Amino acid sequence: YGQGANFAVDSNKPMTVITQFITENETDEGDLVEIKRLYIQDGRVISHASSKVPGVPGNSITDDFCTAQKQAFRDPDDHLAKGGLKK
């Protein structure tokens, strides 16, 4: 994203940001397994950009994504230690 038409999301224009909380059984009662972000601008649905960090694939937050990110940056995996997305 950035200012101007040469970006997928033009920060000069209005947009809608959608955050989806996805559970393992796709109900409000299930355990959280993924968080997705989408953008709508000028009638177009734009997916969140994919990670460019080596070894950290994906464009949504999952337990695997968080673990890969912690490994890539050599950080303690507090996310997993605290129960991950399920908590």
N, C-alpha and C. Protein backbone atom coordinates (compact mmCIF):
# COMPACT_ATOMS: atom_id res chain seq x y z
N TYR A 1 0.83 -1.17 0.00
CA TYR A 1 0.00 0.00 0.00
C TYR A 1 0.87 1.24 0.00
N GLY A 2 0.30 2.34 -0.42
CA GLY A 2 1.02 3.60 -0.43
C GLY A 2 0.19 4.65 -1.14
N GLN A 3 0.76 5.83 -1.27
CA GLN A 3 0.03 6.93 -1.91
C GLN A 3 0.19 6.84 -3.42
N GLY A 4 -0.94 6.75 -4.12
CA GLY A 4 -0.91 6.76 -5.57
C GLY A 4 -1.43 5.50 -6.21
N ALA A 5 -1.76 5.63 -7.49
CA ALA A 5 -2.37 4.54 -8.25
C ALA A 5 -1.41 3.39 -8.55
N ASN A 6 -0.12 3.58 -8.35
CA ASN A 6 0.82 2.50 -8.64
C ASN A 6 0.93 1.51 -7.48
N PHE A 7 0.12 1.66 -6.44
CA PHE A 7 0.07 0.72 -5.32
C PHE A 7 -1.23 -0.07 -5.38
N ALA A 8 -1.20 -1.31 -4.91
CA ALA A 8 -2.41 -2.15 -4.90
C ALA A 8 -3.51 -1.49 -4.07
N VAL A 9 -3.14 -0.88 -2.94
CA VAL A 9 -4.07 -0.12 -2.12
C VAL A 9 -3.55 1.31 -2.06
N ASP A 10 -4.33 2.23 -2.60
CA ASP A 10 -3.96 3.65 -2.64
C ASP A 10 -4.40 4.30 -1.34
N SER A 11 -3.44 4.67 -0.50
CA SER A 11 -3.79 5.24 0.81
C SER A 11 -4.36 6.64 0.71
N ASN A 12 -4.41 7.23 -0.48
CA ASN A 12 -5.07 8.53 -0.67
C ASN A 12 -6.58 8.39 -0.79
N LYS A 13 -7.06 7.16 -1.04
CA LYS A 13 -8.49 6.93 -1.29
C LYS A 13 -9.12 6.18 -0.12
N PRO A 14 -10.44 6.34 0.04
CA PRO A 14 -11.14 5.56 1.07
C PRO A 14 -11.05 4.06 0.78
N MET A 15 -11.02 3.28 1.85
CA MET A 15 -11.00 1.83 1.71
C MET A 15 -11.73 1.24 2.90
N THR A 16 -12.15 0.01 2.73
CA THR A 16 -12.74 -0.75 3.83
C THR A 16 -11.76 -1.86 4.18
N VAL A 17 -11.49 -2.02 5.48
CA VAL A 17 -10.60 -3.08 5.95
C VAL A 17 -11.47 -4.14 6.62
N ILE A 18 -11.32 -5.37 6.18
CA ILE A 18 -12.08 -6.50 6.73
C ILE A 18 -11.11 -7.44 7.42
N THR A 19 -11.41 -7.76 8.67
CA THR A 19 -10.61 -8.74 9.39
C THR A 19 -11.51 -9.93 9.68
N GLN A 20 -11.09 -11.10 9.22
CA GLN A 20 -11.86 -12.33 9.42
C GLN A 20 -11.19 -13.19 10.47
N PHE A 21 -11.99 -13.65 11.43
CA PHE A 21 -11.52 -14.56 12.47
C PHE A 21 -12.11 -15.93 12.14
N ILE A 22 -11.27 -16.85 11.71
CA ILE A 22 -11.72 -18.14 11.20
C ILE A 22 -11.47 -19.22 12.25
N THR A 23 -12.51 -19.99 12.52
CA THR A 23 -12.40 -21.07 13.50
C THR A 23 -12.32 -22.41 12.78
N GLU A 24 -11.91 -23.45 13.54
CA GLU A 24 -11.72 -24.76 12.93
C GLU A 24 -13.02 -25.36 12.43
N ASN A 25 -14.15 -24.96 13.00
CA ASN A 25 -15.43 -25.50 12.53
C ASN A 25 -16.31 -24.43 11.89
N GLU A 26 -15.72 -23.27 11.64
CA GLU A 26 -16.40 -22.15 10.96
C GLU A 26 -17.66 -21.68 11.67
N THR A 27 -17.65 -21.77 13.01
CA THR A 27 -18.75 -21.23 13.82
C THR A 27 -18.16 -20.26 14.84
N ASP A 28 -19.02 -19.52 15.52
CA ASP A 28 -18.56 -18.61 16.57
C ASP A 28 -18.05 -19.36 17.79
N GLU A 29 -18.37 -20.62 17.90
CA GLU A 29 -17.99 -21.41 19.07
C GLU A 29 -16.68 -22.17 18.91
N GLY A 30 -16.14 -22.23 17.72
CA GLY A 30 -14.94 -23.02 17.47
C GLY A 30 -13.66 -22.34 17.91
N ASP A 31 -12.57 -23.10 17.92
CA ASP A 31 -11.26 -22.56 18.25
C ASP A 31 -10.72 -21.76 17.08
N LEU A 32 -10.13 -20.61 17.37
CA LEU A 32 -9.54 -19.75 16.35
C LEU A 32 -8.34 -20.44 15.72
N VAL A 33 -8.30 -20.47 14.37
CA VAL A 33 -7.19 -21.10 13.66
C VAL A 33 -6.51 -20.17 12.66
N GLU A 34 -7.18 -19.06 12.32
CA GLU A 34 -6.59 -18.16 11.32
C GLU A 34 -7.22 -16.78 11.41
N ILE A 35 -6.40 -15.77 11.14
CA ILE A 35 -6.88 -14.39 11.05
C ILE A 35 -6.47 -13.87 9.68
N LYS A 36 -7.46 -13.43 8.90
CA LYS A 36 -7.21 -12.91 7.55
C LYS A 36 -7.59 -11.44 7.49
N ARG A 37 -6.89 -10.70 6.65
CA ARG A 37 -7.22 -9.31 6.42
C ARG A 37 -7.40 -9.09 4.93
N LEU A 38 -8.48 -8.41 4.57
CA LEU A 38 -8.79 -8.05 3.19
C LEU A 38 -9.07 -6.57 3.13
N TYR A 39 -8.92 -6.01 1.95
CA TYR A 39 -9.19 -4.59 1.73
C TYR A 39 -10.15 -4.47 0.55
N ILE A 40 -11.06 -3.52 0.63
CA ILE A 40 -11.94 -3.22 -0.51
C ILE A 40 -11.74 -1.76 -0.86
N GLN A 41 -11.43 -1.54 -2.13
CA GLN A 41 -11.23 -0.17 -2.62
C GLN A 41 -11.69 -0.11 -4.06
N ASP A 42 -12.51 0.87 -4.35
CA ASP A 42 -13.05 1.04 -5.71
C ASP A 42 -13.74 -0.23 -6.22
N GLY A 43 -14.41 -0.95 -5.31
CA GLY A 43 -15.14 -2.16 -5.69
C GLY A 43 -14.27 -3.39 -5.86
N ARG A 44 -12.98 -3.28 -5.63
CA ARG A 44 -12.06 -4.41 -5.76
C ARG A 44 -11.73 -4.97 -4.38
N VAL A 45 -11.69 -6.31 -4.29
CA VAL A 45 -11.25 -6.98 -3.07
C VAL A 45 -9.76 -7.28 -3.23
N ILE A 46 -8.97 -6.81 -2.26
CA ILE A 46 -7.52 -6.95 -2.34
C ILE A 46 -7.06 -7.77 -1.14
N SER A 47 -6.38 -8.87 -1.40
CA SER A 47 -5.86 -9.71 -0.32
C SER A 47 -4.68 -9.04 0.33
N HIS A 48 -4.47 -9.37 1.60
CA HIS A 48 -3.30 -8.88 2.32
C HIS A 48 -2.05 -9.40 1.62
N ALA A 49 -1.01 -8.61 1.58
CA ALA A 49 0.23 -9.02 0.92
C ALA A 49 0.85 -10.24 1.61
N SER A 50 1.50 -11.07 0.83
CA SER A 50 2.21 -12.23 1.37
C SER A 50 3.51 -11.79 2.03
N SER A 51 3.91 -12.54 3.02
CA SER A 51 5.17 -12.26 3.73
C SER A 51 6.34 -12.39 2.77
N LYS A 52 7.29 -11.49 2.90
CA LYS A 52 8.52 -11.55 2.11
C LYS A 52 9.71 -11.99 2.96
N VAL A 53 9.43 -12.37 4.20
CA VAL A 53 10.49 -12.84 5.10
C VAL A 53 10.83 -14.28 4.71
N PRO A 54 12.08 -14.57 4.41
CA PRO A 54 12.45 -15.95 4.06
C PRO A 54 12.06 -16.94 5.16
N GLY A 55 11.42 -18.03 4.76
CA GLY A 55 11.00 -19.05 5.70
C GLY A 55 9.69 -18.76 6.41
N VAL A 56 9.04 -17.65 6.05
CA VAL A 56 7.77 -17.28 6.68
C VAL A 56 6.73 -17.07 5.58
N PRO A 57 6.21 -18.16 5.01
CA PRO A 57 5.24 -18.03 3.93
C PRO A 57 3.84 -17.67 4.46
N GLY A 58 3.06 -17.05 3.61
CA GLY A 58 1.66 -16.81 3.94
C GLY A 58 1.27 -15.35 3.96
N ASN A 59 -0.04 -15.13 3.97
CA ASN A 59 -0.58 -13.78 4.05
C ASN A 59 -1.68 -13.68 5.10
N SER A 60 -1.71 -14.64 6.02
CA SER A 60 -2.66 -14.61 7.12
C SER A 60 -1.96 -15.12 8.37
N ILE A 61 -2.56 -14.86 9.51
CA ILE A 61 -1.96 -15.27 10.78
C ILE A 61 -2.51 -16.63 11.18
N THR A 62 -1.60 -17.58 11.32
CA THR A 62 -1.91 -18.92 11.81
C THR A 62 -0.85 -19.27 12.84
N ASP A 63 -1.06 -20.35 13.57
CA ASP A 63 -0.02 -20.79 14.50
C ASP A 63 1.29 -21.09 13.76
N ASP A 64 1.20 -21.74 12.59
CA ASP A 64 2.40 -22.06 11.81
C ASP A 64 3.11 -20.78 11.36
N PHE A 65 2.34 -19.78 10.93
CA PHE A 65 2.92 -18.51 10.51
C PHE A 65 3.67 -17.86 11.67
N CYS A 66 3.04 -17.84 12.84
CA CYS A 66 3.66 -17.22 14.02
C CYS A 66 4.94 -17.96 14.42
N THR A 67 4.91 -19.29 14.40
CA THR A 67 6.09 -20.07 14.75
C THR A 67 7.22 -19.81 13.75
N ALA A 68 6.90 -19.79 12.46
CA ALA A 68 7.92 -19.53 11.44
C ALA A 68 8.52 -18.14 11.61
N GLN A 69 7.68 -17.17 11.95
CA GLN A 69 8.17 -15.80 12.15
C GLN A 69 9.10 -15.74 13.36
N LYS A 70 8.72 -16.41 14.44
CA LYS A 70 9.57 -16.43 15.64
C LYS A 70 10.91 -17.09 15.33
N GLN A 71 10.90 -18.17 14.55
CA GLN A 71 12.14 -18.85 14.18
C GLN A 71 13.01 -17.95 13.28
N ALA A 72 12.37 -17.28 12.33
CA ALA A 72 13.11 -16.43 11.39
C ALA A 72 13.82 -15.28 12.11
N PHE A 73 13.19 -14.75 13.14
CA PHE A 73 13.77 -13.62 13.87
C PHE A 73 14.49 -14.05 15.16
N ARG A 74 14.55 -15.38 15.37
CA ARG A 74 15.22 -15.95 16.54
C ARG A 74 14.66 -15.39 17.85
N ASP A 75 13.35 -15.26 17.88
CA ASP A 75 12.65 -14.81 19.07
C ASP A 75 12.09 -16.00 19.83
N PRO A 76 11.92 -15.89 21.14
CA PRO A 76 11.23 -16.95 21.87
C PRO A 76 9.79 -17.06 21.36
N ASP A 77 9.28 -18.27 21.26
CA ASP A 77 7.92 -18.47 20.75
C ASP A 77 6.89 -18.33 21.88
N ASP A 78 6.74 -17.11 22.36
CA ASP A 78 5.76 -16.83 23.41
C ASP A 78 4.34 -17.12 22.94
N HIS A 79 4.10 -16.93 21.67
CA HIS A 79 2.76 -17.18 21.11
C HIS A 79 2.35 -18.63 21.36
N LEU A 80 3.21 -19.57 21.00
CA LEU A 80 2.91 -20.98 21.18
C LEU A 80 2.89 -21.35 22.67
N ALA A 81 3.83 -20.79 23.43
CA ALA A 81 3.92 -21.08 24.86
C ALA A 81 2.65 -20.67 25.60
N LYS A 82 1.97 -19.65 25.08
CA LYS A 82 0.73 -19.17 25.72
C LYS A 82 -0.51 -19.79 25.12
N GLY A 83 -0.34 -20.78 24.25
CA GLY A 83 -1.49 -21.51 23.72
C GLY A 83 -1.84 -21.19 22.29
N GLY A 84 -1.12 -20.29 21.66
CA GLY A 84 -1.38 -19.96 20.25
C GLY A 84 -2.71 -19.27 20.04
N LEU A 85 -3.22 -19.36 18.83
CA LEU A 85 -4.48 -18.70 18.49
C LEU A 85 -5.66 -19.26 19.27
N LYS A 86 -5.56 -20.51 19.66
CA LYS A 86 -6.66 -21.15 20.38
C LYS A 86 -6.98 -20.40 21.67
N LYS A 87 -6.00 -19.82 22.32
CA LYS A 87 -6.22 -19.08 23.56
C LYS A 87 -6.83 -17.76 23.23
